[in-house]
């Protein structure tokens, strides 16, 4: 997420070691997210916001199933504003998925978050489910899939942190194109239709996300809205994305998104 800046918000100094054999691999990585300062040079792993590392792996179990176990760790970096904190966040999980080449598609991702931050215990989790089918004999090879994303939520005054926090700010994957919500304290069923017309020169995606907030206490949206008492529905998002590549060195993309509010009420609003 670059926030329309000159560089992305997350810039890394990192080292990765990989072992690959017959399509299987294990990646081990470590490093730090850097502080943006155009006036100074930061040598690797100094003046960091966060430090961390982990492991990601991929194994082909059978001809119809892949498994990807992973682990990640994050702690405070060396920058002045964060070095005095005590952060020990950990994520462990796995992904089970079908090979990309087959028409029947299924995907399960589960991630458990644990550790402590400033003395407060962390017990949170998130998961993603996907089932779909690609109609290969049909023109444009339509792929229709149903998906569901969940990330646990919790109250700020609880003795345990139960609100799931994505590792290292990962985003733009599970919650639509408009970035209204993050993969945190989220329930999101969605239906997606993908098309590949013109011999794979064009890719079209139509998507409907239905966003709900599991734990609505202490939650505001864009600092101007909150969920009505006793309700959970944030709203529906409808998206259309088109990518067209007529030539090898030319590609055109376009997208449009529309959001319909759910059980929302206005806050911090002044009528001019």
Protein backbone atom coordinates (compact mmCIF):
# COMPACT_ATOMS: atom_id res chain seq x y z
CA UNK A 1 0.00 0.00 0.00
CA UNK A 2 1.91 3.02 -1.29
CA UNK A 3 -0.54 5.78 -0.18
CA UNK A 4 0.20 7.45 -3.53
CA UNK A 5 3.74 8.24 -2.33
CA UNK A 6 7.04 8.12 -4.17
CA UNK A 7 7.80 4.78 -2.51
CA UNK A 8 5.70 2.07 -0.94
CA UNK A 9 4.91 2.24 2.75
CA UNK A 10 6.73 -1.05 3.42
CA UNK A 11 10.38 -1.03 2.27
CA UNK A 12 12.65 -3.86 3.36
CA UNK A 13 16.27 -4.66 3.96
CA UNK A 14 16.18 -8.44 4.01
CA UNK A 15 18.07 -11.66 3.42
CA UNK A 16 16.38 -14.79 2.08
CA UNK A 17 17.80 -18.29 1.79
CA UNK A 18 15.94 -20.75 -0.46
CA UNK A 19 16.13 -24.48 -0.99
CA UNK A 20 14.31 -25.89 -4.03
CA UNK A 21 13.92 -29.45 -5.25
CA UNK A 22 11.51 -30.84 -7.85
CA UNK A 23 9.03 -27.98 -7.50
CA UNK A 24 9.09 -27.99 -3.69
CA UNK A 25 10.83 -25.21 -1.76
CA UNK A 26 11.66 -23.82 1.67
CA UNK A 27 12.38 -20.08 2.08
CA UNK A 28 13.94 -18.68 5.27
CA UNK A 29 14.06 -14.88 5.56
CA UNK A 30 15.04 -12.16 8.02
CA UNK A 31 15.33 -8.39 7.98
CA UNK A 32 13.66 -5.13 8.87
CA UNK A 33 11.17 -2.60 7.53
CA UNK A 34 13.01 0.66 6.91
CA UNK A 35 12.22 4.21 7.96
CA UNK A 36 11.69 6.55 5.00
CA UNK A 37 14.21 9.37 5.05
CA UNK A 38 15.30 10.80 1.67
CA UNK A 39 18.15 12.72 3.35
CA UNK A 40 19.98 9.78 4.95
CA UNK A 41 21.36 6.43 3.92
CA UNK A 42 20.33 3.48 6.09
CA UNK A 43 22.68 0.53 5.86
CA UNK A 44 20.94 -2.85 6.14
CA UNK A 45 18.98 -3.54 9.34
CA UNK A 46 19.59 -0.13 10.96
CA UNK A 47 16.97 2.54 11.67
CA UNK A 48 14.14 0.05 11.25
CA UNK A 49 10.48 0.26 12.19
CA UNK A 50 10.10 -3.49 12.70
CA UNK A 51 12.48 -6.42 12.68
CA UNK A 52 11.42 -9.93 11.88
CA UNK A 53 11.82 -13.12 9.98
CA UNK A 54 10.27 -16.45 9.27
CA UNK A 55 9.83 -19.41 7.00
CA UNK A 56 7.58 -20.17 4.03
CA UNK A 57 7.47 -23.53 2.28
CA UNK A 58 5.67 -25.31 -0.54
CA UNK A 59 5.24 -29.07 -0.95
CA UNK A 60 3.32 -31.05 -3.54
CA UNK A 61 1.54 -33.77 -1.55
CA UNK A 62 -0.31 -35.38 -4.47
CA UNK A 63 -1.25 -34.46 -8.01
CA UNK A 64 -4.32 -32.65 -6.69
CA UNK A 65 -3.08 -31.05 -3.45
CA UNK A 66 -0.30 -28.66 -2.37
CA UNK A 67 0.51 -27.72 1.22
CA UNK A 68 2.38 -24.57 2.29
CA UNK A 69 3.35 -24.36 6.00
CA UNK A 70 4.70 -21.00 7.21
CA UNK A 71 5.83 -19.04 10.26
CA UNK A 72 6.61 -15.35 10.81
CA UNK A 73 7.91 -13.26 13.73
CA UNK A 74 7.86 -9.49 14.27
CA UNK A 75 9.46 -7.36 16.98
CA UNK A 76 10.19 -3.67 17.53
CA UNK A 77 12.92 -2.04 15.44
CA UNK A 78 15.66 0.44 16.27
CA UNK A 79 13.87 3.72 15.41
CA UNK A 80 13.54 6.06 18.40
CA UNK A 81 9.74 6.08 18.49
CA UNK A 82 9.42 2.28 18.63
CA UNK A 83 12.62 0.88 20.18
CA UNK A 84 11.28 1.28 23.74
CA UNK A 85 8.24 -0.93 23.06
CA UNK A 86 8.13 -4.67 23.75
CA UNK A 87 6.66 -6.41 20.69
CA UNK A 88 6.71 -10.17 20.25
CA UNK A 89 4.16 -11.10 17.59
CA UNK A 90 4.18 -14.51 15.92
CA UNK A 91 2.13 -16.13 13.16
CA UNK A 92 2.02 -19.82 12.29
CA UNK A 93 -0.20 -21.55 9.81
CA UNK A 94 -0.61 -23.42 6.57
CA UNK A 95 -2.26 -23.27 3.18
CA UNK A 96 -3.89 -26.23 1.39
CA UNK A 97 -4.59 -25.59 -2.28
CA UNK A 98 -5.27 -27.25 -5.61
CA UNK A 99 -2.68 -27.01 -8.41
CA UNK A 100 -3.27 -23.97 -10.61
CA UNK A 101 -3.58 -26.07 -13.76
CA UNK A 102 -6.76 -27.98 -12.80
CA UNK A 103 -10.33 -26.78 -13.33
CA UNK A 104 -11.65 -27.68 -9.86
CA UNK A 105 -10.20 -25.09 -7.49
CA UNK A 106 -10.07 -25.20 -3.69
CA UNK A 107 -8.04 -23.26 -1.17
CA UNK A 108 -7.80 -23.20 2.63
CA UNK A 109 -5.55 -20.81 4.53
CA UNK A 110 -5.35 -20.74 8.33
CA UNK A 111 -3.14 -18.50 10.47
CA UNK A 112 -2.80 -18.38 14.27
CA UNK A 113 -1.32 -15.26 15.88
CA UNK A 114 0.27 -15.46 19.33
CA UNK A 115 2.83 -13.74 21.57
CA UNK A 116 2.84 -10.57 23.66
CA UNK A 117 2.89 -6.83 23.05
CA UNK A 118 3.78 -4.54 25.94
CA UNK A 119 2.87 -7.26 28.43
CA UNK A 120 -0.54 -8.08 26.89
CA UNK A 121 -1.10 -11.65 25.67
CA UNK A 122 -2.08 -12.15 22.01
CA UNK A 123 -4.58 -14.84 20.97
CA UNK A 124 -5.99 -14.20 17.49
CA UNK A 125 -6.54 -15.99 14.20
CA UNK A 126 -7.63 -15.61 10.60
CA UNK A 127 -8.63 -17.93 7.77
CA UNK A 128 -9.61 -17.94 4.11
CA UNK A 129 -11.75 -20.48 2.19
CA UNK A 130 -12.21 -20.74 -1.57
CA UNK A 131 -14.06 -23.17 -3.83
CA UNK A 132 -14.52 -22.70 -7.55
CA UNK A 133 -14.63 -24.25 -10.99
CA UNK A 134 -13.15 -23.20 -14.33
CA UNK A 135 -15.35 -24.02 -17.32
CA UNK A 136 -12.48 -24.61 -19.75
CA UNK A 137 -14.53 -25.75 -22.79
CA UNK A 138 -16.65 -22.58 -22.66
CA UNK A 139 -15.46 -19.44 -24.51
CA UNK A 140 -13.49 -17.06 -22.24
CA UNK A 141 -13.00 -19.97 -19.80
CA UNK A 142 -15.16 -18.49 -17.00
CA UNK A 143 -13.99 -19.25 -13.47
CA UNK A 144 -16.71 -18.91 -10.82
CA UNK A 145 -15.63 -19.08 -7.17
CA UNK A 146 -17.15 -18.63 -3.74
CA UNK A 147 -14.83 -17.29 -1.04
CA UNK A 148 -15.00 -16.54 2.65
CA UNK A 149 -12.54 -14.58 4.77
CA UNK A 150 -12.56 -14.25 8.55
CA UNK A 151 -10.29 -12.46 11.01
CA UNK A 152 -10.96 -12.43 14.73
CA UNK A 153 -11.82 -9.24 16.59
CA UNK A 154 -11.84 -8.12 20.21
CA UNK A 155 -12.49 -5.26 22.58
CA UNK A 156 -9.67 -2.86 23.42
CA UNK A 157 -10.31 -3.21 27.17
CA UNK A 158 -10.04 -7.01 27.14
CA UNK A 159 -7.17 -8.55 29.10
CA UNK A 160 -6.10 -10.46 25.97
CA UNK A 161 -5.57 -9.07 22.45
CA UNK A 162 -7.96 -11.01 20.20
CA UNK A 163 -7.99 -8.72 17.15
CA UNK A 164 -6.05 -10.37 14.32
CA UNK A 165 -3.19 -8.31 12.89
CA UNK A 166 -1.90 -9.28 9.41
CA UNK A 167 1.82 -10.05 9.40
CA UNK A 168 3.91 -7.07 8.20
CA UNK A 169 0.98 -5.13 6.80
CA UNK A 170 0.03 -7.59 4.09
CA UNK A 171 -2.96 -6.23 2.18
CA UNK A 172 -4.87 -5.96 -1.11
CA UNK A 173 -5.58 -9.69 -1.20
CA UNK A 174 -8.77 -10.61 0.65
CA UNK A 175 -11.01 -7.57 0.98
CA UNK A 176 -11.94 -5.96 -2.31
CA UNK A 177 -10.35 -3.26 -4.42
CA UNK A 178 -11.51 -0.14 -2.56
CA UNK A 179 -9.48 -0.82 0.64
CA UNK A 180 -12.26 0.23 2.99
CA UNK A 181 -11.34 -2.51 5.46
CA UNK A 182 -8.29 -4.57 6.39
CA UNK A 183 -7.95 -8.28 7.11
CA UNK A 184 -8.63 -7.64 10.77
CA UNK A 185 -11.90 -8.01 12.75
CA UNK A 186 -13.58 -8.98 9.49
CA UNK A 187 -16.18 -11.39 8.09
CA UNK A 188 -16.33 -11.34 4.29
CA UNK A 189 -18.23 -13.77 2.03
CA UNK A 190 -17.72 -13.02 -1.64
CA UNK A 191 -18.57 -14.30 -5.09
CA UNK A 192 -16.11 -13.82 -7.97
CA UNK A 193 -16.37 -14.37 -11.73
CA UNK A 194 -13.16 -14.32 -13.80
CA UNK A 195 -13.04 -14.35 -17.60
CA UNK A 196 -10.17 -14.78 -20.08
CA UNK A 197 -11.44 -13.74 -23.52
CA UNK A 198 -9.40 -13.12 -26.69
CA UNK A 199 -7.01 -16.05 -26.16
CA UNK A 200 -5.82 -14.84 -22.75
CA UNK A 201 -5.06 -11.30 -23.96
CA UNK A 202 -7.77 -9.96 -21.63
CA UNK A 203 -8.57 -10.77 -17.99
CA UNK A 204 -11.87 -9.63 -16.46
CA UNK A 205 -12.91 -9.95 -12.81
CA UNK A 206 -16.34 -9.19 -11.37
CA UNK A 207 -16.61 -9.39 -7.61
CA UNK A 208 -19.11 -8.85 -4.81
CA UNK A 209 -17.83 -8.53 -1.22
CA UNK A 210 -20.22 -8.43 1.75
CA UNK A 211 -18.31 -6.93 4.68
CA UNK A 212 -19.30 -7.43 8.31
CA UNK A 213 -17.51 -6.51 11.56
CA UNK A 214 -17.60 -9.39 14.11
CA UNK A 215 -16.79 -7.19 17.15
CA UNK A 216 -18.16 -3.67 16.65
CA UNK A 217 -17.04 -2.16 20.00
CA UNK A 218 -14.51 0.70 19.59
CA UNK A 219 -14.71 0.45 15.76
CA UNK A 220 -15.01 3.49 13.50
CA UNK A 221 -14.82 3.52 9.70
CA UNK A 222 -12.90 6.31 7.97
CA UNK A 223 -13.36 8.30 11.22
CA UNK A 224 -16.85 9.32 10.04
CA UNK A 225 -19.00 6.20 10.54
CA UNK A 226 -19.69 3.42 13.02
CA UNK A 227 -21.90 0.33 13.10
CA UNK A 228 -25.35 0.77 14.65
CA UNK A 229 -25.78 -0.86 18.09
CA UNK A 230 -26.53 -4.58 17.83
CA UNK A 231 -25.66 -4.68 14.09
CA UNK A 232 -22.63 -5.97 12.18
CA UNK A 233 -23.08 -5.30 8.44
CA UNK A 234 -20.64 -2.73 7.07
CA UNK A 235 -21.88 -2.91 3.49
CA UNK A 236 -21.51 -4.45 0.03
CA UNK A 237 -18.78 -3.68 -2.46
CA UNK A 238 -19.14 -4.35 -6.19
CA UNK A 239 -16.01 -4.34 -8.35
CA UNK A 240 -15.11 -4.66 -12.01
CA UNK A 241 -11.47 -4.99 -13.08
CA UNK A 242 -10.25 -5.33 -16.68
CA UNK A 243 -6.71 -5.90 -17.95
CA UNK A 244 -6.04 -5.95 -21.69
CA UNK A 245 -2.71 -6.64 -23.38
CA UNK A 246 -3.02 -6.29 -27.17
CA UNK A 247 0.75 -6.37 -27.74
CA UNK A 248 3.79 -7.65 -25.89
CA UNK A 249 4.83 -4.19 -24.63
CA UNK A 250 1.41 -2.59 -24.23
CA UNK A 251 -1.05 -3.25 -21.42
CA UNK A 252 -4.19 -1.36 -20.43
CA UNK A 253 -6.05 -1.70 -17.12
CA UNK A 254 -9.26 -0.23 -15.80
CA UNK A 255 -11.36 -0.71 -12.69
CA UNK A 256 -14.52 0.59 -11.07
CA UNK A 257 -15.87 -0.02 -7.58
CA UNK A 258 -19.20 0.82 -5.93
CA UNK A 259 -19.99 0.55 -2.22
CA UNK A 260 -23.47 0.39 -0.68
CA UNK A 261 -23.52 1.10 3.10
CA UNK A 262 -24.97 -1.39 5.56
CA UNK A 263 -25.92 -0.76 9.18
CA UNK A 264 -23.97 2.50 9.52
CA UNK A 265 -24.53 5.78 11.28
CA UNK A 266 -22.60 9.03 10.87
CA UNK A 267 -20.21 10.38 13.52
CA UNK A 268 -17.91 13.41 13.64
CA UNK A 269 -20.15 15.09 11.04
CA UNK A 270 -20.83 18.82 10.93
CA UNK A 271 -23.50 20.20 8.59
CA UNK A 272 -21.94 23.29 6.92
